[in-house]
Amino acid sequence: MNNANKPQQVDENFYRNELNKLKAQYAAKVEMILEISDEIRSLQQDIAATENNLQMVVEKANEALFRNPGRTNNKMLMMNSASTANSNAVADTVPMNEDYKDDQREDEDKRKQ
């Protein structure tokens, strides 16, 4: 009778071992997914912070433009708007005013002389 029970016992051990291997693989994959989820969450927070910083730059640029629409500030604003990743938003919110255009014309006239 012992011989009759042996094949069934070997099969049970084999399947138990296979099940334990699959459980370990599953746990490792779940852990990896959780780590990736944490990294994604962190990156989303970084993106949100960057967007907030860019929005503050745009707002400060607009404030500076309307507070002191002088030549230097306008040129600095134009340089800032070109250097940000959100330059389209800056261009939409910071119009090129006539003072800046006049300053450009004056610079060209001085160069010609």
PDB file of N, CA and C in Angstrom:
ATOM      1  N   MET A   1       0.819  -1.199   0.000  1.00  0.00           N
ATOM      2  CA  MET A   1       0.000   0.000   0.000  1.00  0.00           C
ATOM      3  C   MET A   1       0.859   1.258   0.000  1.00  0.00           C
ATOM      4  N   ASN A   2       2.002   1.196   0.620  1.00  0.00           N
ATOM      5  CA  ASN A   2       2.873   2.350   0.625  1.00  0.00           C
ATOM      6  C   ASN A   2       3.260   2.761  -0.792  1.00  0.00           C
ATOM      7  N   ASN A   3       3.481   1.794  -1.647  1.00  0.00           N
ATOM      8  CA  ASN A   3       3.854   2.086  -3.022  1.00  0.00           C
ATOM      9  C   ASN A   3       2.723   2.764  -3.778  1.00  0.00           C
ATOM     10  N   ALA A   4       1.508   2.423  -3.468  1.00  0.00           N
ATOM     11  CA  ALA A   4       0.359   3.013  -4.153  1.00  0.00           C
ATOM     12  C   ALA A   4       0.201   4.490  -3.760  1.00  0.00           C
ATOM     13  N   ASN A   5       0.533   4.881  -2.564  1.00  0.00           N
ATOM     14  CA  ASN A   5       0.402   6.256  -2.102  1.00  0.00           C
ATOM     15  C   ASN A   5       1.570   7.133  -2.553  1.00  0.00           C
ATOM     16  N   LYS A   6       2.684   6.562  -2.861  1.00  0.00           N
ATOM     17  CA  LYS A   6       3.891   7.320  -3.186  1.00  0.00           C
ATOM     18  C   LYS A   6       3.738   8.214  -4.419  1.00  0.00           C
ATOM     19  N   PRO A   7       3.233   7.737  -5.547  1.00  0.00           N
ATOM     20  CA  PRO A   7       3.099   8.633  -6.716  1.00  0.00           C
ATOM     21  C   PRO A   7       2.200   9.825  -6.428  1.00  0.00           C
ATOM     22  N   GLN A   8       1.122   9.610  -5.725  1.00  0.00           N
ATOM     23  CA  GLN A   8       0.222  10.719  -5.411  1.00  0.00           C
ATOM     24  C   GLN A   8       0.913  11.729  -4.501  1.00  0.00           C
ATOM     25  N   GLN A   9       1.689  11.271  -3.545  1.00  0.00           N
ATOM     26  CA  GLN A   9       2.403  12.152  -2.633  1.00  0.00           C
ATOM     27  C   GLN A   9       3.469  12.953  -3.383  1.00  0.00           C
ATOM     28  N   VAL A  10       4.165  12.347  -4.326  1.00  0.00           N
ATOM     29  CA  VAL A  10       5.165  13.045  -5.130  1.00  0.00           C
ATOM     30  C   VAL A  10       4.491  14.130  -5.942  1.00  0.00           C
ATOM     31  N   ASP A  11       3.346  13.829  -6.539  1.00  0.00           N
ATOM     32  CA  ASP A  11       2.598  14.816  -7.313  1.00  0.00           C
ATOM     33  C   ASP A  11       2.174  15.985  -6.438  1.00  0.00           C
ATOM     34  N   GLU A  12       1.705  15.720  -5.239  1.00  0.00           N
ATOM     35  CA  GLU A  12       1.286  16.786  -4.337  1.00  0.00           C
ATOM     36  C   GLU A  12       2.463  17.678  -3.963  1.00  0.00           C
ATOM     37  N   ASN A  13       3.598  17.075  -3.675  1.00  0.00           N
ATOM     38  CA  ASN A  13       4.794  17.856  -3.352  1.00  0.00           C
ATOM     39  C   ASN A  13       5.235  18.710  -4.538  1.00  0.00           C
ATOM     40  N   PHE A  14       5.223  18.107  -5.712  1.00  0.00           N
ATOM     41  CA  PHE A  14       5.622  18.831  -6.920  1.00  0.00           C
ATOM     42  C   PHE A  14       4.715  20.052  -7.122  1.00  0.00           C
ATOM     43  N   TYR A  15       3.414  19.848  -7.043  1.00  0.00           N
ATOM     44  CA  TYR A  15       2.465  20.946  -7.263  1.00  0.00           C
ATOM     45  C   TYR A  15       2.531  21.983  -6.143  1.00  0.00           C
ATOM     46  N   ARG A  16       2.782  21.526  -4.926  1.00  0.00           N
ATOM     47  CA  ARG A  16       2.925  22.458  -3.811  1.00  0.00           C
ATOM     48  C   ARG A  16       4.160  23.347  -4.044  1.00  0.00           C
ATOM     49  N   ASN A  17       5.253  22.724  -4.495  1.00  0.00           N
ATOM     50  CA  ASN A  17       6.468  23.485  -4.789  1.00  0.00           C
ATOM     51  C   ASN A  17       6.238  24.469  -5.946  1.00  0.00           C
ATOM     52  N   GLU A  18       5.550  24.009  -6.970  1.00  0.00           N
ATOM     53  CA  GLU A  18       5.245  24.888  -8.114  1.00  0.00           C
ATOM     54  C   GLU A  18       4.358  26.056  -7.677  1.00  0.00           C
ATOM     55  N   LEU A  19       3.375  25.744  -6.835  1.00  0.00           N
ATOM     56  CA  LEU A  19       2.492  26.795  -6.317  1.00  0.00           C
ATOM     57  C   LEU A  19       3.279  27.811  -5.494  1.00  0.00           C
ATOM     58  N   ASN A  20       4.191  27.360  -4.686  1.00  0.00           N
ATOM     59  CA  ASN A  20       5.023  28.269  -3.883  1.00  0.00           C
ATOM     60  C   ASN A  20       5.902  29.134  -4.771  1.00  0.00           C
ATOM     61  N   LYS A  21       6.433  28.558  -5.848  1.00  0.00           N
ATOM     62  CA  LYS A  21       7.234  29.339  -6.800  1.00  0.00           C
ATOM     63  C   LYS A  21       6.380  30.423  -7.447  1.00  0.00           C
ATOM     64  N   LEU A  22       5.184  30.052  -7.863  1.00  0.00           N
ATOM     65  CA  LEU A  22       4.282  31.032  -8.492  1.00  0.00           C
ATOM     66  C   LEU A  22       3.886  32.132  -7.513  1.00  0.00           C
ATOM     67  N   LYS A  23       3.645  31.763  -6.252  1.00  0.00           N
ATOM     68  CA  LYS A  23       3.317  32.766  -5.237  1.00  0.00           C
ATOM     69  C   LYS A  23       4.477  33.745  -5.049  1.00  0.00           C
ATOM     70  N   ALA A  24       5.693  33.235  -5.033  1.00  0.00           N
ATOM     71  CA  ALA A  24       6.871  34.093  -4.868  1.00  0.00           C
ATOM     72  C   ALA A  24       7.020  35.027  -6.080  1.00  0.00           C
ATOM     73  N   GLN A  25       6.816  34.491  -7.280  1.00  0.00           N
ATOM     74  CA  GLN A  25       6.893  35.323  -8.489  1.00  0.00           C
ATOM     75  C   GLN A  25       5.809  36.402  -8.458  1.00  0.00           C
ATOM     76  N   TYR A  26       4.604  36.008  -8.059  1.00  0.00           N
ATOM     77  CA  TYR A  26       3.502  36.953  -7.970  1.00  0.00           C
ATOM     78  C   TYR A  26       3.819  38.065  -6.968  1.00  0.00           C
ATOM     79  N   ALA A  27       4.342  37.694  -5.804  1.00  0.00           N
ATOM     80  CA  ALA A  27       4.673  38.684  -4.771  1.00  0.00           C
ATOM     81  C   ALA A  27       5.753  39.638  -5.276  1.00  0.00           C
ATOM     82  N   ALA A  28       6.744  39.109  -6.007  1.00  0.00           N
ATOM     83  CA  ALA A  28       7.810  39.953  -6.546  1.00  0.00           C
ATOM     84  C   ALA A  28       7.246  40.933  -7.581  1.00  0.00           C
ATOM     85  N   LYS A  29       6.324  40.462  -8.399  1.00  0.00           N
ATOM     86  CA  LYS A  29       5.728  41.341  -9.418  1.00  0.00           C
ATOM     87  C   LYS A  29       4.833  42.395  -8.787  1.00  0.00           C
ATOM     88  N   VAL A  30       4.109  42.029  -7.760  1.00  0.00           N
ATOM     89  CA  VAL A  30       3.275  43.003  -7.048  1.00  0.00           C
ATOM     90  C   VAL A  30       4.160  44.078  -6.422  1.00  0.00           C
ATOM     91  N   GLU A  31       5.267  43.652  -5.826  1.00  0.00           N
ATOM     92  CA  GLU A  31       6.204  44.610  -5.220  1.00  0.00           C
ATOM     93  C   GLU A  31       6.761  45.560  -6.285  1.00  0.00           C
ATOM     94  N   MET A  32       7.093  45.007  -7.454  1.00  0.00           N
ATOM     95  CA  MET A  32       7.622  45.826  -8.542  1.00  0.00           C
ATOM     96  C   MET A  32       6.565  46.835  -9.025  1.00  0.00           C
ATOM     97  N   ILE A  33       5.338  46.385  -9.118  1.00  0.00           N
ATOM     98  CA  ILE A  33       4.248  47.270  -9.542  1.00  0.00           C
ATOM     99  C   ILE A  33       4.052  48.392  -8.520  1.00  0.00           C
ATOM    100  N   LEU A  34       4.125  48.066  -7.241  1.00  0.00           N
ATOM    101  CA  LEU A  34       3.978  49.084  -6.202  1.00  0.00           C
ATOM    102  C   LEU A  34       5.114  50.109  -6.266  1.00  0.00           C
ATOM    103  N   GLU A  35       6.337  49.641  -6.520  1.00  0.00           N
ATOM    104  CA  GLU A  35       7.467  50.561  -6.649  1.00  0.00           C
ATOM    105  C   GLU A  35       7.288  51.471  -7.862  1.00  0.00           C
ATOM    106  N   ILE A  36       6.841  50.892  -8.964  1.00  0.00           N
ATOM    107  CA  ILE A  36       6.607  51.697 -10.173  1.00  0.00           C
ATOM    108  C   ILE A  36       5.496  52.708  -9.928  1.00  0.00           C
ATOM    109  N   SER A  37       4.456  52.296  -9.236  1.00  0.00           N
ATOM    110  CA  SER A  37       3.356  53.212  -8.913  1.00  0.00           C
ATOM    111  C   SER A  37       3.848  54.377  -8.060  1.00  0.00           C
ATOM    112  N   ASP A  38       4.702  54.079  -7.097  1.00  0.00           N
ATOM    113  CA  ASP A  38       5.270  55.141  -6.261  1.00  0.00           C
ATOM    114  C   ASP A  38       6.107  56.100  -7.100  1.00  0.00           C
ATOM    115  N   GLU A  39       6.893  55.553  -8.010  1.00  0.00           N
ATOM    116  CA  GLU A  39       7.726  56.391  -8.888  1.00  0.00           C
ATOM    117  C   GLU A  39       6.851  57.262  -9.787  1.00  0.00           C
ATOM    118  N   ILE A  40       5.780  56.705 -10.319  1.00  0.00           N
ATOM    119  CA  ILE A  40       4.859  57.475 -11.162  1.00  0.00           C
ATOM    120  C   ILE A  40       4.236  58.598 -10.345  1.00  0.00           C
ATOM    121  N   ARG A  41       3.815  58.291  -9.127  1.00  0.00           N
ATOM    122  CA  ARG A  41       3.225  59.310  -8.256  1.00  0.00           C
ATOM    123  C   ARG A  41       4.226  60.437  -7.985  1.00  0.00           C
ATOM    124  N   SER A  42       5.462  60.056  -7.743  1.00  0.00           N
ATOM    125  CA  SER A  42       6.508  61.048  -7.490  1.00  0.00           C
ATOM    126  C   SER A  42       6.741  61.920  -8.723  1.00  0.00           C
ATOM    127  N   LEU A  43       6.777  61.300  -9.890  1.00  0.00           N
ATOM    128  CA  LEU A  43       6.966  62.063 -11.127  1.00  0.00           C
ATOM    129  C   LEU A  43       5.779  62.993 -11.390  1.00  0.00           C
ATOM    130  N   GLN A  44       4.583  62.530 -11.090  1.00  0.00           N
ATOM    131  CA  GLN A  44       3.411  63.389 -11.257  1.00  0.00           C
ATOM    132  C   GLN A  44       3.502  64.606 -10.344  1.00  0.00           C
ATOM    133  N   GLN A  45       3.984  64.414  -9.128  1.00  0.00           N
ATOM    134  CA  GLN A  45       4.157  65.547  -8.213  1.00  0.00           C
ATOM    135  C   GLN A  45       5.222  66.500  -8.732  1.00  0.00           C
ATOM    136  N   ASP A  46       6.311  65.958  -9.289  1.00  0.00           N
ATOM    137  CA  ASP A  46       7.362  66.804  -9.870  1.00  0.00           C
ATOM    138  C   ASP A  46       6.814  67.614 -11.042  1.00  0.00           C
ATOM    139  N   ILE A  47       6.005  66.975 -11.875  1.00  0.00           N
ATOM    140  CA  ILE A  47       5.412  67.666 -13.025  1.00  0.00           C
ATOM    141  C   ILE A  47       4.496  68.783 -12.543  1.00  0.00           C
ATOM    142  N   ALA A  48       3.682  68.495 -11.549  1.00  0.00           N
ATOM    143  CA  ALA A  48       2.764  69.511 -11.024  1.00  0.00           C
ATOM    144  C   ALA A  48       3.542  70.690 -10.436  1.00  0.00           C
ATOM    145  N   ALA A  49       4.623  70.394  -9.725  1.00  0.00           N
ATOM    146  CA  ALA A  49       5.440  71.468  -9.147  1.00  0.00           C
ATOM    147  C   ALA A  49       6.081  72.304 -10.252  1.00  0.00           C
ATOM    148  N   THR A  50       6.557  71.649 -11.298  1.00  0.00           N
ATOM    149  CA  THR A  50       7.163  72.368 -12.423  1.00  0.00           C
ATOM    150  C   THR A  50       6.127  73.243 -13.114  1.00  0.00           C
ATOM    151  N   GLU A  51       4.926  72.714 -13.312  1.00  0.00           N
ATOM    152  CA  GLU A  51       3.863  73.509 -13.927  1.00  0.00           C
ATOM    153  C   GLU A  51       3.547  74.735 -13.066  1.00  0.00           C
ATOM    154  N   ASN A  52       3.497  74.541 -11.750  1.00  0.00           N
ATOM    155  CA  ASN A  52       3.238  75.666 -10.841  1.00  0.00           C
ATOM    156  C   ASN A  52       4.343  76.708 -10.940  1.00  0.00           C
ATOM    157  N   ASN A  53       5.604  76.242 -10.990  1.00  0.00           N
ATOM    158  CA  ASN A  53       6.731  77.172 -11.109  1.00  0.00           C
ATOM    159  C   ASN A  53       6.664  77.949 -12.416  1.00  0.00           C
ATOM    160  N   LEU A  54       6.331  77.265 -13.498  1.00  0.00           N
ATOM    161  CA  LEU A  54       6.215  77.946 -14.789  1.00  0.00           C
ATOM    162  C   LEU A  54       5.080  78.970 -14.757  1.00  0.00           C
ATOM    163  N   GLN A  55       3.984  78.615 -14.142  1.00  0.00           N
ATOM    164  CA  GLN A  55       2.863  79.547 -14.039  1.00  0.00           C
ATOM    165  C   GLN A  55       3.278  80.777 -13.237  1.00  0.00           C
ATOM    166  N   MET A  56       4.055  80.582 -12.159  1.00  0.00           N
ATOM    167  CA  MET A  56       4.519  81.721 -11.366  1.00  0.00           C
ATOM    168  C   MET A  56       5.448  82.605 -12.197  1.00  0.00           C
ATOM    169  N   VAL A  57       6.302  81.993 -13.025  1.00  0.00           N
ATOM    170  CA  VAL A  57       7.194  82.767 -13.883  1.00  0.00           C
ATOM    171  C   VAL A  57       6.369  83.617 -14.845  1.00  0.00           C
ATOM    172  N   VAL A  58       5.354  83.036 -15.422  1.00  0.00           N
ATOM    173  CA  VAL A  58       4.493  83.775 -16.346  1.00  0.00           C
ATOM    174  C   VAL A  58       3.809  84.928 -15.627  1.00  0.00           C
ATOM    175  N   GLU A  59       3.281  84.655 -14.446  1.00  0.00           N
ATOM    176  CA  GLU A  59       2.597  85.701 -13.694  1.00  0.00           C
ATOM    177  C   GLU A  59       3.552  86.825 -13.301  1.00  0.00           C
ATOM    178  N   LYS A  60       4.751  86.469 -12.856  1.00  0.00           N
ATOM    179  CA  LYS A  60       5.731  87.499 -12.484  1.00  0.00           C
ATOM    180  C   LYS A  60       6.172  88.294 -13.707  1.00  0.00           C
ATOM    181  N   ALA A  61       6.292  87.621 -14.840  1.00  0.00           N
ATOM    182  CA  ALA A  61       6.668  88.312 -16.072  1.00  0.00           C
ATOM    183  C   ALA A  61       5.579  89.309 -16.463  1.00  0.00           C
ATOM    184  N   ASN A  62       4.343  88.887 -16.359  1.00  0.00           N
ATOM    185  CA  ASN A  62       3.236  89.793 -16.673  1.00  0.00           C
ATOM    186  C   ASN A  62       3.200  90.978 -15.712  1.00  0.00           C
ATOM    187  N   GLU A  63       3.387  90.695 -14.428  1.00  0.00           N
ATOM    188  CA  GLU A  63       3.398  91.779 -13.440  1.00  0.00           C
ATOM    189  C   GLU A  63       4.520  92.769 -13.735  1.00  0.00           C
ATOM    190  N   ALA A  64       5.699  92.260 -14.025  1.00  0.00           N
ATOM    191  CA  ALA A  64       6.841  93.134 -14.306  1.00  0.00           C
ATOM    192  C   ALA A  64       6.596  93.957 -15.570  1.00  0.00           C
ATOM    193  N   LEU A  65       6.007  93.347 -16.551  1.00  0.00           N
ATOM    194  CA  LEU A  65       5.732  94.044 -17.807  1.00  0.00           C
ATOM    195  C   LEU A  65       4.777  95.217 -17.582  1.00  0.00           C
ATOM    196  N   PHE A  66       3.739  94.982 -16.833  1.00  0.00           N
ATOM    197  CA  PHE A  66       2.743  96.034 -16.651  1.00  0.00           C
ATOM    198  C   PHE A  66       3.155  97.048 -15.583  1.00  0.00           C
ATOM    199  N   ARG A  67       4.036  96.663 -14.666  1.00  0.00           N
ATOM    200  CA  ARG A  67       4.533  97.585 -13.659  1.00  0.00           C
ATOM    201  C   ARG A  67       5.565  98.540 -14.253  1.00  0.00           C
ATOM    202  N   ASN A  68       6.464  98.007 -15.055  1.00  0.00           N
ATOM    203  CA  ASN A  68       7.561  98.800 -15.596  1.00  0.00           C
ATOM    204  C   ASN A  68       7.822  98.367 -17.043  1.00  0.00           C
ATOM    205  N   PRO A  69       7.091  98.942 -17.976  1.00  0.00           N
ATOM    206  CA  PRO A  69       7.233  98.495 -19.368  1.00  0.00           C
ATOM    207  C   PRO A  69       8.459  99.085 -20.065  1.00  0.00           C
ATOM    208  N   GLY A  70       9.564  99.248 -19.328  1.00  0.00           N
ATOM    209  CA  GLY A  70      10.785  99.807 -19.899  1.00  0.00           C
ATOM    210  C   GLY A  70      11.505  98.828 -20.805  1.00  0.00           C
ATOM    211  N   ARG A  71      12.495  99.331 -21.489  1.00  0.00           N
ATOM    212  CA  ARG A  71      13.218  98.570 -22.500  1.00  0.00           C
ATOM    213  C   ARG A  71      13.897  97.309 -21.940  1.00  0.00           C
ATOM    214  N   THR A  72      14.639  97.434 -20.861  1.00  0.00           N
ATOM    215  CA  THR A  72      15.391  96.304 -20.324  1.00  0.00           C
ATOM    216  C   THR A  72      14.454  95.193 -19.866  1.00  0.00           C
ATOM    217  N   ASN A  73      13.418  95.579 -19.137  1.00  0.00           N
ATOM    218  CA  ASN A  73      12.494  94.558 -18.650  1.00  0.00           C
ATOM    219  C   ASN A  73      11.820  93.822 -19.794  1.00  0.00           C
ATOM    220  N   ASN A  74      11.450  94.535 -20.826  1.00  0.00           N
ATOM    221  CA  ASN A  74      10.796  93.870 -21.947  1.00  0.00           C
ATOM    222  C   ASN A  74      11.729  92.886 -22.625  1.00  0.00           C
ATOM    223  N   LYS A  75      12.996  93.280 -22.801  1.00  0.00           N
ATOM    224  CA  LYS A  75      13.938  92.359 -23.426  1.00  0.00           C
ATOM    225  C   LYS A  75      14.148  91.135 -22.537  1.00  0.00           C
ATOM    226  N   MET A  76      14.227  91.347 -21.229  1.00  0.00           N
ATOM    227  CA  MET A  76      14.392  90.212 -20.325  1.00  0.00           C
ATOM    228  C   MET A  76      13.176  89.297 -20.390  1.00  0.00           C
ATOM    229  N   LEU A  77      12.002  89.869 -20.470  1.00  0.00           N
ATOM    230  CA  LEU A  77      10.794  89.056 -20.541  1.00  0.00           C
ATOM    231  C   LEU A  77      10.769  88.233 -21.822  1.00  0.00           C
ATOM    232  N   MET A  78      11.188  88.839 -22.892  1.00  0.00           N
ATOM    233  CA  MET A  78      11.194  88.107 -24.156  1.00  0.00           C
ATOM    234  C   MET A  78      12.198  86.948 -24.079  1.00  0.00           C
ATOM    235  N   MET A  79      13.338  87.175 -23.452  1.00  0.00           N
ATOM    236  CA  MET A  79      14.325  86.099 -23.303  1.00  0.00           C
ATOM    237  C   MET A  79      13.778  85.005 -22.393  1.00  0.00           C
ATOM    238  N   ASN A  80      13.134  85.395 -21.299  1.00  0.00           N
ATOM    239  CA  ASN A  80      12.567  84.401 -20.394  1.00  0.00           C
ATOM    240  C   ASN A  80      11.504  83.574 -21.081  1.00  0.00           C
ATOM    241  N   SER A  81      10.666  84.218 -21.865  1.00  0.00           N
ATOM    242  CA  SER A  81       9.586  83.477 -22.503  1.00  0.00           C
ATOM    243  C   SER A  81      10.135  82.477 -23.505  1.00  0.00           C
ATOM    244  N   ALA A  82      11.247  82.810 -24.155  1.00  0.00           N
ATOM    245  CA  ALA A  82      11.814  81.877 -25.125  1.00  0.00           C
ATOM    246  C   ALA A  82      12.512  80.717 -24.440  1.00  0.00           C
ATOM    247  N   SER A  83      12.940  80.899 -23.198  1.00  0.00           N
ATOM    248  CA  SER A  83      13.723  79.857 -22.534  1.00  0.00           C
ATOM    249  C   SER A  83      12.874  78.905 -21.700  1.00  0.00           C
ATOM    250  N   THR A  84      11.602  79.161 -21.570  1.00  0.00           N
ATOM    251  CA  THR A  84      10.777  78.257 -20.763  1.00  0.00           C
ATOM    252  C   THR A  84      10.120  77.213 -21.645  1.00  0.00           C
ATOM    253  N   ALA A  85       9.834  76.079 -21.027  1.00  0.00           N
ATOM    254  CA  ALA A  85       9.157  75.012 -21.765  1.00  0.00           C
ATOM    255  C   ALA A  85       7.725  75.416 -22.094  1.00  0.00           C
ATOM    256  N   ASN A  86       7.217  76.381 -21.366  1.00  0.00           N
ATOM    257  CA  ASN A  86       5.843  76.812 -21.559  1.00  0.00           C
ATOM    258  C   ASN A  86       5.818  78.131 -22.325  1.00  0.00           C
ATOM    259  N   SER A  87       6.675  78.278 -23.315  1.00  0.00           N
ATOM    260  CA  SER A  87       6.826  79.560 -23.994  1.00  0.00           C
ATOM    261  C   SER A  87       5.557  79.976 -24.738  1.00  0.00           C
ATOM    262  N   ASN A  88       4.758  79.029 -25.179  1.00  0.00           N
ATOM    263  CA  ASN A  88       3.517  79.397 -25.851  1.00  0.00           C
ATOM    264  C   ASN A  88       2.583  80.135 -24.902  1.00  0.00           C
ATOM    265  N   ALA A  89       2.494  79.667 -23.661  1.00  0.00           N
ATOM    266  CA  ALA A  89       1.638  80.340 -22.689  1.00  0.00           C
ATOM    267  C   ALA A  89       2.173  81.731 -22.395  1.00  0.00           C
ATOM    268  N   VAL A  90       3.486  81.862 -22.310  1.00  0.00           N
ATOM    269  CA  VAL A  90       4.083  83.172 -22.050  1.00  0.00           C
ATOM    270  C   VAL A  90       3.803  84.106 -23.219  1.00  0.00           C
ATOM    271  N   ALA A  91       3.979  83.599 -24.438  1.00  0.00           N
ATOM    272  CA  ALA A  91       3.752  84.430 -25.621  1.00  0.00           C
ATOM    273  C   ALA A  91       2.293  84.877 -25.695  1.00  0.00           C
ATOM    274  N   ASP A  92       1.383  84.000 -25.280  1.00  0.00           N
ATOM    275  CA  ASP A  92      -0.032  84.353 -25.308  1.00  0.00           C
ATOM    276  C   ASP A  92      -0.381  85.393 -24.253  1.00  0.00           C
ATOM    277  N   THR A  93       0.330  85.384 -23.121  1.00  0.00           N
ATOM    278  CA  THR A  93      -0.037  86.274 -22.024  1.00  0.00           C
ATOM    279  C   THR A  93       0.819  87.529 -21.952  1.00  0.00           C
ATOM    280  N   VAL A  94       1.966  87.543 -22.642  1.00  0.00           N
ATOM    281  CA  VAL A  94       2.840  88.712 -22.621  1.00  0.00           C
ATOM    282  C   VAL A  94       2.892  89.293 -24.037  1.00  0.00           C
ATOM    283  N   PRO A  95       2.032  90.270 -24.328  1.00  0.00           N
ATOM    284  CA  PRO A  95       2.021  90.821 -25.680  1.00  0.00           C
ATOM    285  C   PRO A  95       3.255  91.679 -25.941  1.00  0.00           C
ATOM    286  N   MET A  96       3.678  91.718 -27.197  1.00  0.00           N
ATOM    287  CA  MET A  96       4.795  92.587 -27.566  1.00  0.00           C
ATOM    288  C   MET A  96       4.211  93.999 -27.685  1.00  0.00           C
ATOM    289  N   ASN A  97       4.616  94.877 -26.803  1.00  0.00           N
ATOM    290  CA  ASN A  97       4.023  96.207 -26.812  1.00  0.00           C
ATOM    291  C   ASN A  97       4.799  97.159 -27.716  1.00  0.00           C
ATOM    292  N   GLU A  98       4.238  98.320 -27.928  1.00  0.00           N
ATOM    293  CA  GLU A  98       4.830  99.310 -28.835  1.00  0.00           C
ATOM    294  C   GLU A  98       6.165  99.842 -28.315  1.00  0.00           C
ATOM    295  N   ASP A  99       6.323  99.965 -26.995  1.00  0.00           N
ATOM    296  CA  ASP A  99       7.590 100.441 -26.429  1.00  0.00           C
ATOM    297  C   ASP A  99       8.742  99.534 -26.852  1.00  0.00           C
ATOM    298  N   TYR A 100       8.503  98.252 -26.803  1.00  0.00           N
ATOM    299  CA  TYR A 100       9.554  97.302 -27.172  1.00  0.00           C
ATOM    300  C   TYR A 100       9.889  97.449 -28.655  1.00  0.00           C
ATOM    301  N   LYS A 101       8.862  97.570 -29.476  1.00  0.00           N
ATOM    302  CA  LYS A 101       9.097  97.736 -30.919  1.00  0.00           C
ATOM    303  C   LYS A 101       9.864  99.031 -31.190  1.00  0.00           C
ATOM    304  N   ASP A 102       9.501 100.105 -30.468  1.00  0.00           N
ATOM    305  CA  ASP A 102      10.212 101.372 -30.623  1.00  0.00           C
ATOM    306  C   ASP A 102      11.675 101.228 -30.214  1.00  0.00           C
ATOM    307  N   ASP A 103      11.923 100.506 -29.112  1.00  0.00           N
ATOM    308  CA  ASP A 103      13.294 100.278 -28.661  1.00  0.00           C
ATOM    309  C   ASP A 103      14.097  99.506 -29.697  1.00  0.00           C
ATOM    310  N   GLN A 104      13.468  98.545 -30.342  1.00  0.00           N
ATOM    311  CA  GLN A 104      14.157  97.788 -31.385  1.00  0.00           C
ATOM    312  C   GLN A 104      14.534  98.707 -32.551  1.00  0.00           C
ATOM    313  N   ARG A 105      13.611  99.573 -32.928  1.00  0.00           N
ATOM    314  CA  ARG A 105      13.888 100.509 -34.027  1.00  0.00           C
ATOM    315  C   ARG A 105      15.041 101.450 -33.668  1.00  0.00           C
ATOM    316  N   GLU A 106      15.043 101.938 -32.421  1.00  0.00           N
ATOM    317  CA  GLU A 106      16.123 102.816 -31.966  1.00  0.00           C
ATOM    318  C   GLU A 106      17.473 102.100 -32.006  1.00  0.00           C
ATOM    319  N   ASP A 107      17.490 100.850 -31.577  1.00  0.00           N
ATOM    320  CA  ASP A 107      18.730 100.071 -31.614  1.00  0.00           C
ATOM    321  C   ASP A 107      19.229  99.906 -33.049  1.00  0.00           C
ATOM    322  N   GLU A 108      18.316  99.637 -33.959  1.00  0.00           N
ATOM    323  CA  GLU A 108      18.718  99.487 -35.365  1.00  0.00           C
ATOM    324  C   GLU A 108      19.248 100.803 -35.920  1.00  0.00           C
ATOM    325  N   ASP A 109      18.611 101.918 -35.562  1.00  0.00           N
ATOM    326  CA  ASP A 109      19.077 103.229 -36.026  1.00  0.00           C
ATOM    327  C   ASP A 109      20.474 103.533 -35.487  1.00  0.00           C
ATOM    328  N   LYS A 110      20.724 103.201 -34.217  1.00  0.00           N
ATOM    329  CA  LYS A 110      22.038 103.449 -33.624  1.00  0.00           C
ATOM    330  C   LYS A 110      23.102 102.601 -34.307  1.00  0.00           C
ATOM    331  N   ARG A 111      22.769 101.379 -34.649  1.00  0.00           N
ATOM    332  CA  ARG A 111      23.737 100.515 -35.319  1.00  0.00           C
ATOM    333  C   ARG A 111      24.086 101.047 -36.704  1.00  0.00           C
ATOM    334  N   LYS A 112      23.115 101.612 -37.369  1.00  0.00           N
ATOM    335  CA  LYS A 112      23.338 102.143 -38.720  1.00  0.00           C
ATOM    336  C   LYS A 112      24.244 103.370 -38.688  1.00  0.00           C
ATOM    337  N   GLN A 113      24.203 104.121 -37.586  1.00  0.00           N
ATOM    338  CA  GLN A 113      25.009 105.343 -37.500  1.00  0.00           C
ATOM    339  C   GLN A 113      26.375 104.975 -37.172  1.00  0.00           C
TER     340      GLN A 113
END
